[in-house]
Amino acid sequence: MDFPIREICYASSIFWIAGSLQGLTGFGFNLLSIPAMVLWFPAQVVVPGVLMSYLPLGTGQFIQLRRDVDWKVLGMIVGSAIVGMPLGAFVLRDTDADVMKRAIGLAMVVLAVVLQLRPGNPFRHDALTCVGVGMFSGFLSSSIGVSGPPIVLFGLKQCWPQAMMRATLLTCFLCTSTLSLCVLWAVGVLTLESLQFVLWGAPGLVLGFLTATYLRARVHQVAVFRWISIGMVMAGGLAAAIF
């Protein structure tokens, strides 16, 4: 197996940044990694590769933050996400998803701006909305590899506590990434190239985990957390729309 230095440095750098912010906010690993990675690697390699890369990072962060997880919310989101995953996998396999990716990216930017400018009151029918958000998240997870924005915006809208939101989000993405990989394997998308891609980014995963542990002990303000979350959704949406 070849170990080209440029590819290893590029993949590891992206995973370092994405893993650091993921551990701070509870989301953002796929959101930040995939748009940057597809500039260098094929999308059919990047999507399953990023999902696989998140498993060890997400597992380590779950062990650290498991006491803050809201298991009821987690169950509703993950359970409903399963429904949307098969359709997303077929889209990835059979469709040129550029138009869909750009439309979703622009929609996430608009929603993030609206939520920041006019947050309004939390949804009354929390459970029903949670199921709908989970289904859409599952579809996005297996089609473009980014499931976070709908859940993040929903959590901000519902004013979830910072620690609960961070722990529940990262656990949710750990579950949906695992399930999405199973679906992608079933439709024949997983390849040895994706596994090689994971190995290239492994040093960045370790650095991202350590950096996130350092940052979590120093960022406690709710306003800072909210602005970072909104900013990451907008950055990911713009990247998807442009690239």
C-alpha atoms as a PDB file:
ATOM      1  CA  MET A   1       0.000   0.000   0.000  1.00  0.00           C
ATOM      2  CA  ASP A   2       1.321   3.450  -0.962  1.00  0.00           C
ATOM      3  CA  PHE A   3       1.623   6.212   1.640  1.00  0.00           C
ATOM      4  CA  PRO A   4       1.860   9.486  -0.324  1.00  0.00           C
ATOM      5  CA  ILE A   5       2.908  12.289   2.005  1.00  0.00           C
ATOM      6  CA  ARG A   6       0.744  15.018   0.464  1.00  0.00           C
ATOM      7  CA  GLU A   7      -2.456  12.989   0.702  1.00  0.00           C
ATOM      8  CA  ILE A   8      -1.682  11.927   4.283  1.00  0.00           C
ATOM      9  CA  CYS A   9      -0.947  15.511   5.381  1.00  0.00           C
ATOM     10  CA  TYR A  10      -4.050  16.878   3.668  1.00  0.00           C
ATOM     11  CA  ALA A  11      -6.446  14.243   5.031  1.00  0.00           C
ATOM     12  CA  SER A  12      -4.935  14.409   8.524  1.00  0.00           C
ATOM     13  CA  SER A  13      -5.124  18.212   8.622  1.00  0.00           C
ATOM     14  CA  ILE A  14      -8.809  18.224   7.682  1.00  0.00           C
ATOM     15  CA  PHE A  15      -9.607  15.496  10.217  1.00  0.00           C
ATOM     16  CA  TRP A  16      -7.687  17.389  12.921  1.00  0.00           C
ATOM     17  CA  ILE A  17      -9.759  20.550  12.442  1.00  0.00           C
ATOM     18  CA  ALA A  18     -13.060  18.707  12.014  1.00  0.00           C
ATOM     19  CA  GLY A  19     -12.418  16.375  14.954  1.00  0.00           C
ATOM     20  CA  SER A  20     -11.545  19.283  17.234  1.00  0.00           C
ATOM     21  CA  LEU A  21     -14.779  21.160  16.502  1.00  0.00           C
ATOM     22  CA  GLN A  22     -16.788  17.931  16.617  1.00  0.00           C
ATOM     23  CA  GLY A  23     -15.677  17.308  20.174  1.00  0.00           C
ATOM     24  CA  LEU A  24     -16.477  20.893  21.174  1.00  0.00           C
ATOM     25  CA  THR A  25     -19.978  21.179  19.689  1.00  0.00           C
ATOM     26  CA  GLY A  26     -21.061  17.550  19.257  1.00  0.00           C
ATOM     27  CA  PHE A  27     -21.241  17.759  15.462  1.00  0.00           C
ATOM     28  CA  GLY A  28     -19.348  18.983  12.431  1.00  0.00           C
ATOM     29  CA  PHE A  29     -16.946  16.152  11.593  1.00  0.00           C
ATOM     30  CA  ASN A  30     -18.703  15.083   8.383  1.00  0.00           C
ATOM     31  CA  LEU A  31     -20.016  18.589   7.728  1.00  0.00           C
ATOM     32  CA  LEU A  32     -16.506  20.048   7.563  1.00  0.00           C
ATOM     33  CA  SER A  33     -14.578  17.017   6.295  1.00  0.00           C
ATOM     34  CA  ILE A  34     -16.567  16.012   3.231  1.00  0.00           C
ATOM     35  CA  PRO A  35     -16.623  19.354   1.314  1.00  0.00           C
ATOM     36  CA  ALA A  36     -12.871  19.725   1.862  1.00  0.00           C
ATOM     37  CA  MET A  37     -12.040  16.106   1.052  1.00  0.00           C
ATOM     38  CA  VAL A  38     -13.980  15.962  -2.239  1.00  0.00           C
ATOM     39  CA  LEU A  39     -11.694  18.690  -3.581  1.00  0.00           C
ATOM     40  CA  TRP A  40      -8.888  16.104  -3.561  1.00  0.00           C
ATOM     41  CA  PHE A  41     -10.521  12.645  -3.494  1.00  0.00           C
ATOM     42  CA  PRO A  42     -13.517  11.079  -5.343  1.00  0.00           C
ATOM     43  CA  ALA A  43     -16.867  11.487  -3.565  1.00  0.00           C
ATOM     44  CA  GLN A  44     -17.541   7.729  -3.718  1.00  0.00           C
ATOM     45  CA  VAL A  45     -14.362   7.228  -1.669  1.00  0.00           C
ATOM     46  CA  VAL A  46     -14.828  10.210   0.641  1.00  0.00           C
ATOM     47  CA  VAL A  47     -18.389   9.602   1.883  1.00  0.00           C
ATOM     48  CA  PRO A  48     -17.881   6.037   3.196  1.00  0.00           C
ATOM     49  CA  GLY A  49     -14.306   6.877   4.222  1.00  0.00           C
ATOM     50  CA  VAL A  50     -15.356   9.815   6.398  1.00  0.00           C
ATOM     51  CA  LEU A  51     -18.148   7.737   7.942  1.00  0.00           C
ATOM     52  CA  MET A  52     -15.634   5.011   8.828  1.00  0.00           C
ATOM     53  CA  SER A  53     -13.168   7.561  10.185  1.00  0.00           C
ATOM     54  CA  TYR A  54     -15.751   8.955  12.567  1.00  0.00           C
ATOM     55  CA  LEU A  55     -16.328   5.612  14.319  1.00  0.00           C
ATOM     56  CA  PRO A  56     -13.170   5.599  16.508  1.00  0.00           C
ATOM     57  CA  LEU A  57     -13.378   9.363  17.140  1.00  0.00           C
ATOM     58  CA  GLY A  58     -17.069   9.228  18.027  1.00  0.00           C
ATOM     59  CA  THR A  59     -16.599   6.191  20.249  1.00  0.00           C
ATOM     60  CA  GLY A  60     -13.880   7.921  22.261  1.00  0.00           C
ATOM     61  CA  GLN A  61     -15.952  11.083  22.670  1.00  0.00           C
ATOM     62  CA  PHE A  62     -19.043   9.065  23.618  1.00  0.00           C
ATOM     63  CA  ILE A  63     -17.108   7.374  26.425  1.00  0.00           C
ATOM     64  CA  GLN A  64     -16.126  10.822  27.726  1.00  0.00           C
ATOM     65  CA  LEU A  65     -19.622  12.381  27.547  1.00  0.00           C
ATOM     66  CA  ARG A  66     -22.054   9.449  27.852  1.00  0.00           C
ATOM     67  CA  ARG A  67     -23.593  10.720  31.123  1.00  0.00           C
ATOM     68  CA  ASP A  68     -25.044  13.774  29.367  1.00  0.00           C
ATOM     69  CA  VAL A  69     -26.871  11.845  26.601  1.00  0.00           C
ATOM     70  CA  ASP A  70     -30.672  12.237  26.391  1.00  0.00           C
ATOM     71  CA  TRP A  71     -31.543   8.659  25.478  1.00  0.00           C
ATOM     72  CA  LYS A  72     -35.195   9.396  24.656  1.00  0.00           C
ATOM     73  CA  VAL A  73     -34.304  12.020  22.062  1.00  0.00           C
ATOM     74  CA  LEU A  74     -31.497   9.827  20.749  1.00  0.00           C
ATOM     75  CA  GLY A  75     -33.858   6.881  20.281  1.00  0.00           C
ATOM     76  CA  MET A  76     -36.417   8.927  18.340  1.00  0.00           C
ATOM     77  CA  ILE A  77     -33.842  10.451  16.000  1.00  0.00           C
ATOM     78  CA  VAL A  78     -31.873   7.271  15.292  1.00  0.00           C
ATOM     79  CA  GLY A  79     -35.001   5.131  14.963  1.00  0.00           C
ATOM     80  CA  SER A  80     -36.554   7.464  12.403  1.00  0.00           C
ATOM     81  CA  ALA A  81     -33.224   7.997  10.608  1.00  0.00           C
ATOM     82  CA  ILE A  82     -33.191   4.317   9.639  1.00  0.00           C
ATOM     83  CA  VAL A  83     -36.263   4.928   7.473  1.00  0.00           C
ATOM     84  CA  GLY A  84     -34.502   7.540   5.334  1.00  0.00           C
ATOM     85  CA  MET A  85     -31.172   5.750   4.895  1.00  0.00           C
ATOM     86  CA  PRO A  86     -32.014   3.264   2.098  1.00  0.00           C
ATOM     87  CA  LEU A  87     -33.277   6.023  -0.209  1.00  0.00           C
ATOM     88  CA  GLY A  88     -30.158   8.068   0.464  1.00  0.00           C
ATOM     89  CA  ALA A  89     -27.893   5.112  -0.354  1.00  0.00           C
ATOM     90  CA  PHE A  90     -29.583   4.563  -3.715  1.00  0.00           C
ATOM     91  CA  VAL A  91     -29.216   8.270  -4.484  1.00  0.00           C
ATOM     92  CA  LEU A  92     -25.468   8.039  -3.790  1.00  0.00           C
ATOM     93  CA  ARG A  93     -25.131   4.948  -5.972  1.00  0.00           C
ATOM     94  CA  ASP A  94     -27.326   5.874  -8.937  1.00  0.00           C
ATOM     95  CA  THR A  95     -27.648   9.665  -9.078  1.00  0.00           C
ATOM     96  CA  ASP A  96     -25.483  12.655  -9.825  1.00  0.00           C
ATOM     97  CA  ALA A  97     -26.129  14.309  -6.490  1.00  0.00           C
ATOM     98  CA  ASP A  98     -24.512  17.706  -7.224  1.00  0.00           C
ATOM     99  CA  VAL A  99     -27.807  19.547  -7.718  1.00  0.00           C
ATOM    100  CA  MET A 100     -29.314  17.960  -4.612  1.00  0.00           C
ATOM    101  CA  LYS A 101     -26.193  18.736  -2.573  1.00  0.00           C
ATOM    102  CA  ARG A 102     -26.256  22.395  -3.594  1.00  0.00           C
ATOM    103  CA  ALA A 103     -29.961  22.734  -2.879  1.00  0.00           C
ATOM    104  CA  ILE A 104     -29.557  21.189   0.572  1.00  0.00           C
ATOM    105  CA  GLY A 105     -26.529  23.382   1.275  1.00  0.00           C
ATOM    106  CA  LEU A 106     -28.415  26.566   0.412  1.00  0.00           C
ATOM    107  CA  ALA A 107     -31.428  25.447   2.448  1.00  0.00           C
ATOM    108  CA  MET A 108     -29.232  24.881   5.507  1.00  0.00           C
ATOM    109  CA  VAL A 109     -27.718  28.364   5.162  1.00  0.00           C
ATOM    110  CA  VAL A 110     -31.158  29.987   4.928  1.00  0.00           C
ATOM    111  CA  LEU A 111     -32.464  28.026   7.918  1.00  0.00           C
ATOM    112  CA  ALA A 112     -29.402  28.903   9.989  1.00  0.00           C
ATOM    113  CA  VAL A 113     -29.805  32.623   9.225  1.00  0.00           C
ATOM    114  CA  VAL A 114     -33.529  32.565  10.001  1.00  0.00           C
ATOM    115  CA  LEU A 115     -32.941  30.681  13.253  1.00  0.00           C
ATOM    116  CA  GLN A 116     -30.321  33.188  14.365  1.00  0.00           C
ATOM    117  CA  LEU A 117     -32.333  36.293  13.422  1.00  0.00           C
ATOM    118  CA  ARG A 118     -35.803  35.062  14.444  1.00  0.00           C
ATOM    119  CA  PRO A 119     -35.424  32.021  16.713  1.00  0.00           C
ATOM    120  CA  GLY A 120     -39.038  32.058  17.922  1.00  0.00           C
ATOM    121  CA  ASN A 121     -40.454  29.643  20.472  1.00  0.00           C
ATOM    122  CA  PRO A 122     -39.591  25.916  20.568  1.00  0.00           C
ATOM    123  CA  PHE A 123     -41.880  23.563  18.637  1.00  0.00           C
ATOM    124  CA  ARG A 124     -44.841  22.349  20.683  1.00  0.00           C
ATOM    125  CA  HIS A 125     -45.021  18.896  19.078  1.00  0.00           C
ATOM    126  CA  ASP A 126     -41.453  18.024  19.948  1.00  0.00           C
ATOM    127  CA  ALA A 127     -41.676  14.263  19.359  1.00  0.00           C
ATOM    128  CA  LEU A 128     -43.364  14.518  15.936  1.00  0.00           C
ATOM    129  CA  THR A 129     -40.877  17.105  14.714  1.00  0.00           C
ATOM    130  CA  CYS A 130     -38.017  15.018  16.087  1.00  0.00           C
ATOM    131  CA  VAL A 131     -39.131  12.022  14.001  1.00  0.00           C
ATOM    132  CA  GLY A 132     -39.300  14.122  10.824  1.00  0.00           C
ATOM    133  CA  VAL A 133     -35.870  15.593  11.481  1.00  0.00           C
ATOM    134  CA  GLY A 134     -34.471  12.109  12.082  1.00  0.00           C
ATOM    135  CA  MET A 135     -35.827  10.759   8.781  1.00  0.00           C
ATOM    136  CA  PHE A 136     -34.336  13.651   6.821  1.00  0.00           C
ATOM    137  CA  SER A 137     -31.052  13.267   8.681  1.00  0.00           C
ATOM    138  CA  GLY A 138     -30.881   9.569   7.801  1.00  0.00           C
ATOM    139  CA  PHE A 139     -31.452  10.353   4.131  1.00  0.00           C
ATOM    140  CA  LEU A 140     -28.641  12.920   4.168  1.00  0.00           C
ATOM    141  CA  SER A 141     -26.294  10.614   6.072  1.00  0.00           C
ATOM    142  CA  SER A 142     -26.269   7.855   3.463  1.00  0.00           C
ATOM    143  CA  SER A 143     -26.556  10.113   0.384  1.00  0.00           C
ATOM    144  CA  ILE A 144     -24.074  12.935   0.974  1.00  0.00           C
ATOM    145  CA  GLY A 145     -22.546  11.790   4.288  1.00  0.00           C
ATOM    146  CA  VAL A 146     -23.685  14.875   6.240  1.00  0.00           C
ATOM    147  CA  SER A 147     -26.555  14.261   8.649  1.00  0.00           C
ATOM    148  CA  GLY A 148     -25.937  16.982  11.210  1.00  0.00           C
ATOM    149  CA  PRO A 149     -27.515  20.289  10.105  1.00  0.00           C
ATOM    150  CA  PRO A 150     -31.208  19.356  10.530  1.00  0.00           C
ATOM    151  CA  ILE A 151     -30.600  17.948  14.024  1.00  0.00           C
ATOM    152  CA  VAL A 152     -28.371  20.845  15.069  1.00  0.00           C
ATOM    153  CA  LEU A 153     -30.901  23.456  13.952  1.00  0.00           C
ATOM    154  CA  PHE A 154     -33.677  21.512  15.684  1.00  0.00           C
ATOM    155  CA  GLY A 155     -31.681  21.342  18.921  1.00  0.00           C
ATOM    156  CA  LEU A 156     -30.966  25.077  18.840  1.00  0.00           C
ATOM    157  CA  LYS A 157     -34.632  25.798  18.122  1.00  0.00           C
ATOM    158  CA  GLN A 158     -35.681  23.666  21.101  1.00  0.00           C
ATOM    159  CA  CYS A 159     -33.058  25.345  23.342  1.00  0.00           C
ATOM    160  CA  TRP A 160     -31.429  22.070  24.390  1.00  0.00           C
ATOM    161  CA  PRO A 161     -28.874  22.463  27.223  1.00  0.00           C
ATOM    162  CA  GLN A 162     -25.331  22.742  25.884  1.00  0.00           C
ATOM    163  CA  ALA A 163     -23.904  19.589  27.508  1.00  0.00           C
ATOM    164  CA  MET A 164     -26.957  17.482  26.619  1.00  0.00           C
ATOM    165  CA  MET A 165     -26.961  18.729  23.020  1.00  0.00           C
ATOM    166  CA  ARG A 166     -23.253  18.031  22.526  1.00  0.00           C
ATOM    167  CA  ALA A 167     -23.381  14.509  23.998  1.00  0.00           C
ATOM    168  CA  THR A 168     -26.642  13.524  22.288  1.00  0.00           C
ATOM    169  CA  LEU A 169     -25.535  14.829  18.898  1.00  0.00           C
ATOM    170  CA  LEU A 170     -22.196  13.036  18.842  1.00  0.00           C
ATOM    171  CA  THR A 171     -23.836   9.793  20.014  1.00  0.00           C
ATOM    172  CA  CYS A 172     -26.528  10.179  17.382  1.00  0.00           C
ATOM    173  CA  PHE A 173     -23.949  10.628  14.639  1.00  0.00           C
ATOM    174  CA  LEU A 174     -22.012   7.639  15.909  1.00  0.00           C
ATOM    175  CA  CYS A 175     -25.166   5.532  15.523  1.00  0.00           C
ATOM    176  CA  THR A 176     -26.192   6.953  12.136  1.00  0.00           C
ATOM    177  CA  SER A 177     -22.658   6.629  10.750  1.00  0.00           C
ATOM    178  CA  THR A 178     -22.575   2.951  11.737  1.00  0.00           C
ATOM    179  CA  LEU A 179     -26.005   2.305  10.221  1.00  0.00           C
ATOM    180  CA  SER A 180     -25.150   4.240   7.049  1.00  0.00           C
ATOM    181  CA  LEU A 181     -22.015   2.149   6.561  1.00  0.00           C
ATOM    182  CA  CYS A 182     -24.118  -1.010   6.786  1.00  0.00           C
ATOM    183  CA  VAL A 183     -26.483   0.348   4.135  1.00  0.00           C
ATOM    184  CA  LEU A 184     -23.607   1.465   1.878  1.00  0.00           C
ATOM    185  CA  TRP A 185     -22.013  -1.967   2.199  1.00  0.00           C
ATOM    186  CA  ALA A 186     -25.317  -3.590   1.234  1.00  0.00           C
ATOM    187  CA  VAL A 187     -25.536  -1.555  -1.986  1.00  0.00           C
ATOM    188  CA  GLY A 188     -21.870  -2.124  -2.859  1.00  0.00           C
ATOM    189  CA  VAL A 189     -20.369   1.337  -2.211  1.00  0.00           C
ATOM    190  CA  LEU A 190     -17.689   0.377   0.369  1.00  0.00           C
ATOM    191  CA  THR A 191     -14.274  -0.238  -1.232  1.00  0.00           C
ATOM    192  CA  LEU A 192     -10.634  -0.790  -0.312  1.00  0.00           C
ATOM    193  CA  GLU A 193      -9.927   2.762  -1.517  1.00  0.00           C
ATOM    194  CA  SER A 194     -12.159   4.090   1.270  1.00  0.00           C
ATOM    195  CA  LEU A 195     -10.249   2.027   3.842  1.00  0.00           C
ATOM    196  CA  GLN A 196      -6.945   3.385   2.533  1.00  0.00           C
ATOM    197  CA  PHE A 197      -8.375   6.890   2.844  1.00  0.00           C
ATOM    198  CA  VAL A 198      -9.203   6.196   6.513  1.00  0.00           C
ATOM    199  CA  LEU A 199      -5.606   5.166   7.218  1.00  0.00           C
ATOM    200  CA  TRP A 200      -4.279   8.344   5.601  1.00  0.00           C
ATOM    201  CA  GLY A 201      -6.382  10.476   7.955  1.00  0.00           C
ATOM    202  CA  ALA A 202      -5.713   8.498  11.152  1.00  0.00           C
ATOM    203  CA  PRO A 203      -3.033  10.856  12.590  1.00  0.00           C
ATOM    204  CA  GLY A 204      -5.481  13.751  12.332  1.00  0.00           C
ATOM    205  CA  LEU A 205      -8.143  11.793  14.201  1.00  0.00           C
ATOM    206  CA  VAL A 206      -5.822  11.350  17.180  1.00  0.00           C
ATOM    207  CA  LEU A 207      -4.883  15.039  17.199  1.00  0.00           C
ATOM    208  CA  GLY A 208      -8.535  16.051  16.857  1.00  0.00           C
ATOM    209  CA  PHE A 209      -9.559  13.945  19.842  1.00  0.00           C
ATOM    210  CA  LEU A 210      -6.844  15.453  22.042  1.00  0.00           C
ATOM    211  CA  THR A 211      -7.556  19.022  20.906  1.00  0.00           C
ATOM    212  CA  ALA A 212     -11.297  18.636  21.531  1.00  0.00           C
ATOM    213  CA  THR A 213     -10.645  17.389  25.061  1.00  0.00           C
ATOM    214  CA  TYR A 214      -8.558  20.508  25.693  1.00  0.00           C
ATOM    215  CA  LEU A 215     -11.141  22.919  24.215  1.00  0.00           C
ATOM    216  CA  ARG A 216     -14.164  21.490  26.045  1.00  0.00           C
ATOM    217  CA  ALA A 217     -12.650  22.435  29.397  1.00  0.00           C
ATOM    218  CA  ARG A 218     -12.334  26.062  28.273  1.00  0.00           C
ATOM    219  CA  VAL A 219     -15.480  26.936  26.278  1.00  0.00           C
ATOM    220  CA  HIS A 220     -18.565  27.114  28.491  1.00  0.00           C
ATOM    221  CA  GLN A 221     -20.514  30.199  27.365  1.00  0.00           C
ATOM    222  CA  VAL A 222     -23.860  29.331  25.755  1.00  0.00           C
ATOM    223  CA  ALA A 223     -23.640  32.283  23.346  1.00  0.00           C
ATOM    224  CA  VAL A 224     -20.219  31.158  22.094  1.00  0.00           C
ATOM    225  CA  PHE A 225     -21.475  27.590  21.670  1.00  0.00           C
ATOM    226  CA  ARG A 226     -24.522  28.810  19.708  1.00  0.00           C
ATOM    227  CA  TRP A 227     -22.510  31.049  17.399  1.00  0.00           C
ATOM    228  CA  ILE A 228     -19.976  28.310  16.693  1.00  0.00           C
ATOM    229  CA  SER A 229     -22.819  25.883  15.902  1.00  0.00           C
ATOM    230  CA  ILE A 230     -24.628  28.321  13.604  1.00  0.00           C
ATOM    231  CA  GLY A 231     -21.358  29.258  11.916  1.00  0.00           C
ATOM    232  CA  MET A 232     -20.451  25.630  11.239  1.00  0.00           C
ATOM    233  CA  VAL A 233     -23.865  24.898   9.702  1.00  0.00           C
ATOM    234  CA  MET A 234     -23.551  27.945   7.455  1.00  0.00           C
ATOM    235  CA  ALA A 235     -19.959  27.119   6.474  1.00  0.00           C
ATOM    236  CA  GLY A 236     -20.888  23.540   5.640  1.00  0.00           C
ATOM    237  CA  GLY A 237     -23.955  24.643   3.705  1.00  0.00           C
ATOM    238  CA  LEU A 238     -21.989  27.182   1.678  1.00  0.00           C
ATOM    239  CA  ALA A 239     -19.267  24.631   0.955  1.00  0.00           C
ATOM    240  CA  ALA A 240     -21.865  22.119  -0.252  1.00  0.00           C
ATOM    241  CA  ALA A 241     -23.563  24.754  -2.408  1.00  0.00           C
ATOM    242  CA  ILE A 242     -20.326  26.011  -3.969  1.00  0.00           C
ATOM    243  CA  PHE A 243     -18.325  22.815  -4.389  1.00  0.00           C
END
